[in-house]
Amino acid sequence: MAGYHTRRVRPEADDEDPERFAIREALAFGKALYDRRVALGLSVPKLAARAGMSEDEIECIEEGGTPPTVALLRQLAAALEADVRLTAGHDLGSVWFEAHAA
């Protein structure tokens, strides 16, 4: 086909930056924790006690300052009586805590 060519579409440079991935994951983790804590009507001190963590640690997570690890997700899921759900991607809705099925 004369004049026809395919153009490779490259993702934005920001999408390839591992540091930006980590920041977005930490923010998504923090939002998920905050949303579940508030839905349960728990204060930061109450959740900290349930999770065996300090209030500062909980606040740091909620502010997006702590990267999610499998161990930390499990620890918090237990304290929140929830399961952790993950989707592909690194946006704010990519991590959430969901109440255990009844």
PDB file of N, CA and C in Angstrom:
ATOM      1  N   MET A   1       0.839  -1.173   0.000  1.00  0.00           N
ATOM      2  CA  MET A   1       0.000   0.000   0.000  1.00  0.00           C
ATOM      3  C   MET A   1       0.882   1.234   0.000  1.00  0.00           C
ATOM      4  N   ALA A   2       0.810   1.962  -1.033  1.00  0.00           N
ATOM      5  CA  ALA A   2       1.618   3.165  -1.166  1.00  0.00           C
ATOM      6  C   ALA A   2       1.171   4.202  -0.139  1.00  0.00           C
ATOM      7  N   GLY A   3       2.134   4.802   0.539  1.00  0.00           N
ATOM      8  CA  GLY A   3       1.828   5.860   1.491  1.00  0.00           C
ATOM      9  C   GLY A   3       1.289   5.365   2.828  1.00  0.00           C
ATOM     10  N   TYR A   4       1.147   4.075   2.998  1.00  0.00           N
ATOM     11  CA  TYR A   4       0.607   3.545   4.245  1.00  0.00           C
ATOM     12  C   TYR A   4       1.742   2.996   5.093  1.00  0.00           C
ATOM     13  N   HIS A   5       1.772   3.371   6.320  1.00  0.00           N
ATOM     14  CA  HIS A   5       2.744   2.810   7.253  1.00  0.00           C
ATOM     15  C   HIS A   5       2.124   2.792   8.641  1.00  0.00           C
ATOM     16  N   THR A   6       2.628   1.911   9.451  1.00  0.00           N
ATOM     17  CA  THR A   6       2.130   1.854  10.820  1.00  0.00           C
ATOM     18  C   THR A   6       3.061   2.653  11.706  1.00  0.00           C
ATOM     19  N   ARG A   7       2.485   3.278  12.646  1.00  0.00           N
ATOM     20  CA  ARG A   7       3.264   4.051  13.592  1.00  0.00           C
ATOM     21  C   ARG A   7       3.176   3.355  14.936  1.00  0.00           C
ATOM     22  N   ARG A   8       4.297   3.082  15.478  1.00  0.00           N
ATOM     23  CA  ARG A   8       4.320   2.431  16.790  1.00  0.00           C
ATOM     24  C   ARG A   8       3.982   3.478  17.845  1.00  0.00           C
ATOM     25  N   VAL A   9       2.977   3.192  18.605  1.00  0.00           N
ATOM     26  CA  VAL A   9       2.577   4.115  19.663  1.00  0.00           C
ATOM     27  C   VAL A   9       3.335   3.738  20.918  1.00  0.00           C
ATOM     28  N   ARG A  10       4.075   4.678  21.416  1.00  0.00           N
ATOM     29  CA  ARG A  10       4.872   4.461  22.614  1.00  0.00           C
ATOM     30  C   ARG A  10       4.170   5.037  23.821  1.00  0.00           C
ATOM     31  N   PRO A  11       4.140   4.329  24.925  1.00  0.00           N
ATOM     32  CA  PRO A  11       3.532   4.907  26.125  1.00  0.00           C
ATOM     33  C   PRO A  11       4.281   6.169  26.536  1.00  0.00           C
ATOM     34  N   GLU A  12       3.606   6.993  27.257  1.00  0.00           N
ATOM     35  CA  GLU A  12       4.245   8.199  27.776  1.00  0.00           C
ATOM     36  C   GLU A  12       5.493   7.813  28.570  1.00  0.00           C
ATOM     37  N   ALA A  13       6.470   8.654  28.550  1.00  0.00           N
ATOM     38  CA  ALA A  13       7.712   8.387  29.276  1.00  0.00           C
ATOM     39  C   ALA A  13       7.444   8.182  30.764  1.00  0.00           C
ATOM     40  N   ASP A  14       6.471   8.932  31.322  1.00  0.00           N
ATOM     41  CA  ASP A  14       6.147   8.801  32.740  1.00  0.00           C
ATOM     42  C   ASP A  14       5.654   7.392  33.068  1.00  0.00           C
ATOM     43  N   ASP A  15       4.956   6.766  32.127  1.00  0.00           N
ATOM     44  CA  ASP A  15       4.417   5.438  32.369  1.00  0.00           C
ATOM     45  C   ASP A  15       5.511   4.385  32.455  1.00  0.00           C
ATOM     46  N   GLU A  16       6.694   4.699  31.974  1.00  0.00           N
ATOM     47  CA  GLU A  16       7.789   3.744  31.999  1.00  0.00           C
ATOM     48  C   GLU A  16       8.711   3.943  33.191  1.00  0.00           C
ATOM     49  N   ASP A  17       8.467   4.941  33.980  1.00  0.00           N
ATOM     50  CA  ASP A  17       9.342   5.295  35.087  1.00  0.00           C
ATOM     51  C   ASP A  17       8.985   4.482  36.339  1.00  0.00           C
ATOM     52  N   PRO A  18       9.853   3.563  36.755  1.00  0.00           N
ATOM     53  CA  PRO A  18       9.561   2.732  37.937  1.00  0.00           C
ATOM     54  C   PRO A  18       9.328   3.553  39.201  1.00  0.00           C
ATOM     55  N   GLU A  19       9.988   4.693  39.312  1.00  0.00           N
ATOM     56  CA  GLU A  19       9.794   5.533  40.491  1.00  0.00           C
ATOM     57  C   GLU A  19       8.361   6.074  40.536  1.00  0.00           C
ATOM     58  N   ARG A  20       7.836   6.442  39.381  1.00  0.00           N
ATOM     59  CA  ARG A  20       6.441   6.919  39.323  1.00  0.00           C
ATOM     60  C   ARG A  20       5.462   5.785  39.626  1.00  0.00           C
ATOM     61  N   PHE A  21       5.774   4.575  39.160  1.00  0.00           N
ATOM     62  CA  PHE A  21       4.950   3.412  39.505  1.00  0.00           C
ATOM     63  C   PHE A  21       4.889   3.259  41.018  1.00  0.00           C
ATOM     64  N   ALA A  22       6.033   3.318  41.653  1.00  0.00           N
ATOM     65  CA  ALA A  22       6.113   3.131  43.105  1.00  0.00           C
ATOM     66  C   ALA A  22       5.317   4.207  43.843  1.00  0.00           C
ATOM     67  N   ILE A  23       5.402   5.430  43.376  1.00  0.00           N
ATOM     68  CA  ILE A  23       4.661   6.525  44.008  1.00  0.00           C
ATOM     69  C   ILE A  23       3.163   6.296  43.867  1.00  0.00           C
ATOM     70  N   ARG A  24       2.729   5.948  42.665  1.00  0.00           N
ATOM     71  CA  ARG A  24       1.298   5.722  42.438  1.00  0.00           C
ATOM     72  C   ARG A  24       0.798   4.523  43.242  1.00  0.00           C
ATOM     73  N   GLU A  25       1.597   3.474  43.351  1.00  0.00           N
ATOM     74  CA  GLU A  25       1.195   2.315  44.146  1.00  0.00           C
ATOM     75  C   GLU A  25       1.066   2.681  45.618  1.00  0.00           C
ATOM     76  N   ALA A  26       1.998   3.457  46.131  1.00  0.00           N
ATOM     77  CA  ALA A  26       1.935   3.879  47.529  1.00  0.00           C
ATOM     78  C   ALA A  26       0.707   4.752  47.777  1.00  0.00           C
ATOM     79  N   LEU A  27       0.381   5.627  46.835  1.00  0.00           N
ATOM     80  CA  LEU A  27      -0.812   6.466  46.975  1.00  0.00           C
ATOM     81  C   LEU A  27      -2.089   5.624  46.924  1.00  0.00           C
ATOM     82  N   ALA A  28      -2.129   4.649  46.018  1.00  0.00           N
ATOM     83  CA  ALA A  28      -3.292   3.770  45.921  1.00  0.00           C
ATOM     84  C   ALA A  28      -3.460   2.956  47.206  1.00  0.00           C
ATOM     85  N   PHE A  29      -2.363   2.466  47.747  1.00  0.00           N
ATOM     86  CA  PHE A  29      -2.365   1.710  48.997  1.00  0.00           C
ATOM     87  C   PHE A  29      -2.904   2.586  50.125  1.00  0.00           C
ATOM     88  N   GLY A  30      -2.407   3.801  50.220  1.00  0.00           N
ATOM     89  CA  GLY A  30      -2.858   4.719  51.262  1.00  0.00           C
ATOM     90  C   GLY A  30      -4.332   5.039  51.166  1.00  0.00           C
ATOM     91  N   LYS A  31      -4.805   5.280  49.968  1.00  0.00           N
ATOM     92  CA  LYS A  31      -6.222   5.576  49.765  1.00  0.00           C
ATOM     93  C   LYS A  31      -7.085   4.377  50.133  1.00  0.00           C
ATOM     94  N   ALA A  32      -6.649   3.186  49.747  1.00  0.00           N
ATOM     95  CA  ALA A  32      -7.403   1.972  50.070  1.00  0.00           C
ATOM     96  C   ALA A  32      -7.503   1.784  51.581  1.00  0.00           C
ATOM     97  N   LEU A  33      -6.416   2.009  52.275  1.00  0.00           N
ATOM     98  CA  LEU A  33      -6.412   1.863  53.730  1.00  0.00           C
ATOM     99  C   LEU A  33      -7.338   2.894  54.364  1.00  0.00           C
ATOM    100  N   TYR A  34      -7.209   4.135  53.943  1.00  0.00           N
ATOM    101  CA  TYR A  34      -8.059   5.197  54.478  1.00  0.00           C
ATOM    102  C   TYR A  34      -9.536   4.890  54.227  1.00  0.00           C
ATOM    103  N   ASP A  35      -9.877   4.529  52.997  1.00  0.00           N
ATOM    104  CA  ASP A  35     -11.270   4.264  52.650  1.00  0.00           C
ATOM    105  C   ASP A  35     -11.867   3.151  53.509  1.00  0.00           C
ATOM    106  N   ARG A  36     -11.133   2.069  53.683  1.00  0.00           N
ATOM    107  CA  ARG A  36     -11.638   0.939  54.479  1.00  0.00           C
ATOM    108  C   ARG A  36     -11.734   1.314  55.954  1.00  0.00           C
ATOM    109  N   ARG A  37     -10.739   2.017  56.465  1.00  0.00           N
ATOM    110  CA  ARG A  37     -10.756   2.432  57.876  1.00  0.00           C
ATOM    111  C   ARG A  37     -11.973   3.305  58.156  1.00  0.00           C
ATOM    112  N   VAL A  38     -12.213   4.274  57.285  1.00  0.00           N
ATOM    113  CA  VAL A  38     -13.350   5.173  57.468  1.00  0.00           C
ATOM    114  C   VAL A  38     -14.674   4.411  57.326  1.00  0.00           C
ATOM    115  N   ALA A  39     -14.746   3.503  56.359  1.00  0.00           N
ATOM    116  CA  ALA A  39     -15.966   2.707  56.175  1.00  0.00           C
ATOM    117  C   ALA A  39     -16.300   1.892  57.423  1.00  0.00           C
ATOM    118  N   LEU A  40     -15.276   1.456  58.136  1.00  0.00           N
ATOM    119  CA  LEU A  40     -15.489   0.689  59.365  1.00  0.00           C
ATOM    120  C   LEU A  40     -15.707   1.583  60.587  1.00  0.00           C
ATOM    121  N   GLY A  41     -15.531   2.884  60.410  1.00  0.00           N
ATOM    122  CA  GLY A  41     -15.679   3.810  61.525  1.00  0.00           C
ATOM    123  C   GLY A  41     -14.544   3.730  62.523  1.00  0.00           C
ATOM    124  N   LEU A  42     -13.364   3.327  62.046  1.00  0.00           N
ATOM    125  CA  LEU A  42     -12.201   3.188  62.937  1.00  0.00           C
ATOM    126  C   LEU A  42     -11.370   4.463  62.941  1.00  0.00           C
ATOM    127  N   SER A  43     -10.883   4.819  64.099  1.00  0.00           N
ATOM    128  CA  SER A  43      -9.934   5.920  64.211  1.00  0.00           C
ATOM    129  C   SER A  43      -8.541   5.378  63.882  1.00  0.00           C
ATOM    130  N   VAL A  44      -7.614   6.272  63.635  1.00  0.00           N
ATOM    131  CA  VAL A  44      -6.227   5.855  63.395  1.00  0.00           C
ATOM    132  C   VAL A  44      -5.688   5.088  64.608  1.00  0.00           C
ATOM    133  N   PRO A  45      -5.884   5.580  65.844  1.00  0.00           N
ATOM    134  CA  PRO A  45      -5.382   4.820  66.997  1.00  0.00           C
ATOM    135  C   PRO A  45      -5.986   3.420  67.104  1.00  0.00           C
ATOM    136  N   LYS A  46      -7.270   3.293  66.806  1.00  0.00           N
ATOM    137  CA  LYS A  46      -7.921   1.985  66.901  1.00  0.00           C
ATOM    138  C   LYS A  46      -7.351   1.013  65.869  1.00  0.00           C
ATOM    139  N   LEU A  47      -7.188   1.485  64.618  1.00  0.00           N
ATOM    140  CA  LEU A  47      -6.615   0.619  63.592  1.00  0.00           C
ATOM    141  C   LEU A  47      -5.177   0.268  63.930  1.00  0.00           C
ATOM    142  N   ALA A  48      -4.421   1.233  64.412  1.00  0.00           N
ATOM    143  CA  ALA A  48      -3.026   0.971  64.784  1.00  0.00           C
ATOM    144  C   ALA A  48      -2.965  -0.141  65.837  1.00  0.00           C
ATOM    145  N   ALA A  49      -3.836  -0.074  66.813  1.00  0.00           N
ATOM    146  CA  ALA A  49      -3.858  -1.104  67.858  1.00  0.00           C
ATOM    147  C   ALA A  49      -4.224  -2.465  67.270  1.00  0.00           C
ATOM    148  N   ARG A  50      -5.224  -2.500  66.413  1.00  0.00           N
ATOM    149  CA  ARG A  50      -5.633  -3.762  65.786  1.00  0.00           C
ATOM    150  C   ARG A  50      -4.519  -4.374  64.947  1.00  0.00           C
ATOM    151  N   ALA A  51      -3.760  -3.502  64.273  1.00  0.00           N
ATOM    152  CA  ALA A  51      -2.723  -3.974  63.355  1.00  0.00           C
ATOM    153  C   ALA A  51      -1.375  -4.179  64.027  1.00  0.00           C
ATOM    154  N   GLY A  52      -1.253  -3.789  65.295  1.00  0.00           N
ATOM    155  CA  GLY A  52       0.032  -3.903  65.979  1.00  0.00           C
ATOM    156  C   GLY A  52       1.062  -2.928  65.413  1.00  0.00           C
ATOM    157  N   MET A  53       0.581  -1.754  65.041  1.00  0.00           N
ATOM    158  CA  MET A  53       1.441  -0.735  64.431  1.00  0.00           C
ATOM    159  C   MET A  53       1.285   0.562  65.215  1.00  0.00           C
ATOM    160  N   SER A  54       2.136   1.511  64.924  1.00  0.00           N
ATOM    161  CA  SER A  54       2.003   2.821  65.550  1.00  0.00           C
ATOM    162  C   SER A  54       1.046   3.691  64.740  1.00  0.00           C
ATOM    163  N   GLU A  55       0.514   4.709  65.384  1.00  0.00           N
ATOM    164  CA  GLU A  55      -0.346   5.660  64.689  1.00  0.00           C
ATOM    165  C   GLU A  55       0.424   6.343  63.564  1.00  0.00           C
ATOM    166  N   ASP A  56       1.675   6.660  63.815  1.00  0.00           N
ATOM    167  CA  ASP A  56       2.502   7.295  62.783  1.00  0.00           C
ATOM    168  C   ASP A  56       2.644   6.410  61.549  1.00  0.00           C
ATOM    169  N   GLU A  57       2.789   5.096  61.765  1.00  0.00           N
ATOM    170  CA  GLU A  57       2.902   4.179  60.628  1.00  0.00           C
ATOM    171  C   GLU A  57       1.617   4.171  59.797  1.00  0.00           C
ATOM    172  N   ILE A  58       0.471   4.139  60.474  1.00  0.00           N
ATOM    173  CA  ILE A  58      -0.816   4.151  59.767  1.00  0.00           C
ATOM    174  C   ILE A  58      -0.960   5.460  58.995  1.00  0.00           C
ATOM    175  N   GLU A  59      -0.663   6.568  59.627  1.00  0.00           N
ATOM    176  CA  GLU A  59      -0.782   7.866  58.961  1.00  0.00           C
ATOM    177  C   GLU A  59       0.163   7.967  57.764  1.00  0.00           C
ATOM    178  N   CYS A  60       1.354   7.448  57.903  1.00  0.00           N
ATOM    179  CA  CYS A  60       2.320   7.477  56.801  1.00  0.00           C
ATOM    180  C   CYS A  60       1.801   6.678  55.609  1.00  0.00           C
ATOM    181  N   ILE A  61       1.217   5.522  55.877  1.00  0.00           N
ATOM    182  CA  ILE A  61       0.644   4.708  54.802  1.00  0.00           C
ATOM    183  C   ILE A  61      -0.486   5.478  54.128  1.00  0.00           C
ATOM    184  N   GLU A  62      -1.395   6.025  54.918  1.00  0.00           N
ATOM    185  CA  GLU A  62      -2.546   6.737  54.368  1.00  0.00           C
ATOM    186  C   GLU A  62      -2.138   7.953  53.546  1.00  0.00           C
ATOM    187  N   GLU A  63      -1.006   8.537  53.860  1.00  0.00           N
ATOM    188  CA  GLU A  63      -0.523   9.698  53.119  1.00  0.00           C
ATOM    189  C   GLU A  63       0.267   9.301  51.871  1.00  0.00           C
ATOM    190  N   GLY A  64       0.399   7.999  51.633  1.00  0.00           N
ATOM    191  CA  GLY A  64       1.112   7.532  50.445  1.00  0.00           C
ATOM    192  C   GLY A  64       2.612   7.459  50.625  1.00  0.00           C
ATOM    193  N   GLY A  65       3.060   7.415  51.855  1.00  0.00           N
ATOM    194  CA  GLY A  65       4.488   7.410  52.123  1.00  0.00           C
ATOM    195  C   GLY A  65       5.099   6.044  52.347  1.00  0.00           C
ATOM    196  N   THR A  66       4.306   4.986  52.207  1.00  0.00           N
ATOM    197  CA  THR A  66       4.802   3.639  52.449  1.00  0.00           C
ATOM    198  C   THR A  66       4.454   2.749  51.274  1.00  0.00           C
ATOM    199  N   PRO A  67       5.448   2.132  50.666  1.00  0.00           N
ATOM    200  CA  PRO A  67       5.140   1.224  49.556  1.00  0.00           C
ATOM    201  C   PRO A  67       4.465  -0.045  50.077  1.00  0.00           C
ATOM    202  N   PRO A  68       3.494  -0.550  49.329  1.00  0.00           N
ATOM    203  CA  PRO A  68       2.822  -1.772  49.771  1.00  0.00           C
ATOM    204  C   PRO A  68       3.723  -2.988  49.591  1.00  0.00           C
ATOM    205  N   THR A  69       3.741  -3.826  50.596  1.00  0.00           N
ATOM    206  CA  THR A  69       4.419  -5.120  50.491  1.00  0.00           C
ATOM    207  C   THR A  69       3.368  -6.188  50.776  1.00  0.00           C
ATOM    208  N   VAL A  70       3.627  -7.387  50.358  1.00  0.00           N
ATOM    209  CA  VAL A  70       2.673  -8.465  50.595  1.00  0.00           C
ATOM    210  C   VAL A  70       2.449  -8.639  52.094  1.00  0.00           C
ATOM    211  N   ALA A  71       3.503  -8.639  52.874  1.00  0.00           N
ATOM    212  CA  ALA A  71       3.368  -8.826  54.321  1.00  0.00           C
ATOM    213  C   ALA A  71       2.533  -7.711  54.952  1.00  0.00           C
ATOM    214  N   LEU A  72       2.762  -6.480  54.540  1.00  0.00           N
ATOM    215  CA  LEU A  72       2.016  -5.350  55.098  1.00  0.00           C
ATOM    216  C   LEU A  72       0.550  -5.391  54.661  1.00  0.00           C
ATOM    217  N   LEU A  73       0.303  -5.741  53.415  1.00  0.00           N
ATOM    218  CA  LEU A  73      -1.079  -5.871  52.941  1.00  0.00           C
ATOM    219  C   LEU A  73      -1.828  -6.936  53.744  1.00  0.00           C
ATOM    220  N   ARG A  74      -1.179  -8.053  54.004  1.00  0.00           N
ATOM    221  CA  ARG A  74      -1.813  -9.128  54.791  1.00  0.00           C
ATOM    222  C   ARG A  74      -2.091  -8.682  56.228  1.00  0.00           C
ATOM    223  N   GLN A  75      -1.113  -8.027  56.831  1.00  0.00           N
ATOM    224  CA  GLN A  75      -1.257  -7.556  58.205  1.00  0.00           C
ATOM    225  C   GLN A  75      -2.446  -6.600  58.325  1.00  0.00           C
ATOM    226  N   LEU A  76      -2.542  -5.665  57.386  1.00  0.00           N
ATOM    227  CA  LEU A  76      -3.628  -4.687  57.439  1.00  0.00           C
ATOM    228  C   LEU A  76      -4.965  -5.305  57.058  1.00  0.00           C
ATOM    229  N   ALA A  77      -4.963  -6.231  56.117  1.00  0.00           N
ATOM    230  CA  ALA A  77      -6.205  -6.899  55.744  1.00  0.00           C
ATOM    231  C   ALA A  77      -6.797  -7.629  56.952  1.00  0.00           C
ATOM    232  N   ALA A  78      -5.950  -8.282  57.729  1.00  0.00           N
ATOM    233  CA  ALA A  78      -6.421  -8.971  58.928  1.00  0.00           C
ATOM    234  C   ALA A  78      -7.019  -7.978  59.924  1.00  0.00           C
ATOM    235  N   ALA A  79      -6.355  -6.853  60.115  1.00  0.00           N
ATOM    236  CA  ALA A  79      -6.834  -5.836  61.048  1.00  0.00           C
ATOM    237  C   ALA A  79      -8.140  -5.206  60.570  1.00  0.00           C
ATOM    238  N   LEU A  80      -8.327  -5.167  59.257  1.00  0.00           N
ATOM    239  CA  LEU A  80      -9.528  -4.564  58.671  1.00  0.00           C
ATOM    240  C   LEU A  80     -10.623  -5.587  58.378  1.00  0.00           C
ATOM    241  N   GLU A  81     -10.366  -6.857  58.753  1.00  0.00           N
ATOM    242  CA  GLU A  81     -11.315  -7.938  58.491  1.00  0.00           C
ATOM    243  C   GLU A  81     -11.736  -7.921  57.023  1.00  0.00           C
ATOM    244  N   ALA A  82     -10.724  -7.906  56.151  1.00  0.00           N
ATOM    245  CA  ALA A  82     -10.971  -7.754  54.720  1.00  0.00           C
ATOM    246  C   ALA A  82      -9.988  -8.585  53.910  1.00  0.00           C
ATOM    247  N   ASP A  83     -10.295  -8.690  52.645  1.00  0.00           N
ATOM    248  CA  ASP A  83      -9.379  -9.268  51.676  1.00  0.00           C
ATOM    249  C   ASP A  83      -8.781  -8.122  50.878  1.00  0.00           C
ATOM    250  N   VAL A  84      -7.589  -8.327  50.378  1.00  0.00           N
ATOM    251  CA  VAL A  84      -6.937  -7.318  49.534  1.00  0.00           C
ATOM    252  C   VAL A  84      -7.253  -7.648  48.091  1.00  0.00           C
ATOM    253  N   ARG A  85      -7.619  -6.649  47.331  1.00  0.00           N
ATOM    254  CA  ARG A  85      -7.887  -6.815  45.903  1.00  0.00           C
ATOM    255  C   ARG A  85      -6.940  -5.912  45.132  1.00  0.00           C
ATOM    256  N   LEU A  86      -6.388  -6.462  44.065  1.00  0.00           N
ATOM    257  CA  LEU A  86      -5.461  -5.714  43.214  1.00  0.00           C
ATOM    258  C   LEU A  86      -5.894  -5.857  41.769  1.00  0.00           C
ATOM    259  N   THR A  87      -5.696  -4.803  41.018  1.00  0.00           N
ATOM    260  CA  THR A  87      -5.907  -4.878  39.578  1.00  0.00           C
ATOM    261  C   THR A  87      -4.607  -4.471  38.897  1.00  0.00           C
ATOM    262  N   ALA A  88      -4.535  -4.758  37.631  1.00  0.00           N
ATOM    263  CA  ALA A  88      -3.382  -4.293  36.865  1.00  0.00           C
ATOM    264  C   ALA A  88      -3.434  -2.766  36.846  1.00  0.00           C
ATOM    265  N   GLY A  89      -2.303  -2.167  36.735  1.00  0.00           N
ATOM    266  CA  GLY A  89      -2.262  -0.711  36.716  1.00  0.00           C
ATOM    267  C   GLY A  89      -1.756  -0.171  38.029  1.00  0.00           C
ATOM    268  N   HIS A  90      -1.594   1.102  38.053  1.00  0.00           N
ATOM    269  CA  HIS A  90      -1.004   1.739  39.227  1.00  0.00           C
ATOM    270  C   HIS A  90      -1.784   2.983  39.628  1.00  0.00           C
ATOM    271  N   ASP A  91      -3.071   3.029  39.300  1.00  0.00           N
ATOM    272  CA  ASP A  91      -3.849   4.212  39.628  1.00  0.00           C
ATOM    273  C   ASP A  91      -4.476   4.065  41.011  1.00  0.00           C
ATOM    274  N   LEU A  92      -5.202   5.081  41.433  1.00  0.00           N
ATOM    275  CA  LEU A  92      -5.753   5.084  42.781  1.00  0.00           C
ATOM    276  C   LEU A  92      -6.761   3.982  43.032  1.00  0.00           C
ATOM    277  N   GLY A  93      -7.376   3.447  42.007  1.00  0.00           N
ATOM    278  CA  GLY A  93      -8.334   2.376  42.207  1.00  0.00           C
ATOM    279  C   GLY A  93      -7.757   0.985  42.040  1.00  0.00           C
ATOM    280  N   SER A  94      -6.453   0.867  41.979  1.00  0.00           N
ATOM    281  CA  SER A  94      -5.837  -0.422  41.683  1.00  0.00           C
ATOM    282  C   SER A  94      -5.650  -1.314  42.911  1.00  0.00           C
ATOM    283  N   VAL A  95      -5.861  -0.772  44.096  1.00  0.00           N
ATOM    284  CA  VAL A  95      -5.742  -1.533  45.333  1.00  0.00           C
ATOM    285  C   VAL A  95      -6.954  -1.201  46.193  1.00  0.00           C
ATOM    286  N   TRP A  96      -7.571  -2.204  46.794  1.00  0.00           N
ATOM    287  CA  TRP A  96      -8.632  -1.926  47.745  1.00  0.00           C
ATOM    288  C   TRP A  96      -8.791  -3.093  48.708  1.00  0.00           C
ATOM    289  N   PHE A  97      -9.409  -2.777  49.845  1.00  0.00           N
ATOM    290  CA  PHE A  97      -9.720  -3.786  50.846  1.00  0.00           C
ATOM    291  C   PHE A  97     -11.221  -4.043  50.747  1.00  0.00           C
ATOM    292  N   GLU A  98     -11.576  -5.318  50.680  1.00  0.00           N
ATOM    293  CA  GLU A  98     -12.974  -5.692  50.526  1.00  0.00           C
ATOM    294  C   GLU A  98     -13.370  -6.570  51.696  1.00  0.00           C
ATOM    295  N   ALA A  99     -14.514  -6.263  52.295  1.00  0.00           N
ATOM    296  CA  ALA A  99     -14.984  -7.031  53.452  1.00  0.00           C
ATOM    297  C   ALA A  99     -15.048  -8.522  53.103  1.00  0.00           C
ATOM    298  N   HIS A 100     -14.710  -9.352  54.073  1.00  0.00           N
ATOM    299  CA  HIS A 100     -14.827 -10.793  53.883  1.00  0.00           C
ATOM    300  C   HIS A 100     -16.257 -11.126  53.486  1.00  0.00           C
ATOM    301  N   ALA A 101     -16.423 -12.097  52.608  1.00  0.00           N
ATOM    302  CA  ALA A 101     -17.754 -12.542  52.217  1.00  0.00           C
ATOM    303  C   ALA A 101     -18.457 -13.144  53.435  1.00  0.00           C
ATOM    304  N   ALA A 102     -19.729 -12.867  53.533  1.00  0.00           N
ATOM    305  CA  ALA A 102     -20.508 -13.354  54.692  1.00  0.00           C
ATOM    306  C   ALA A 102     -20.816 -14.823  54.586  1.00  0.00           C
TER     307      ALA A 102
END
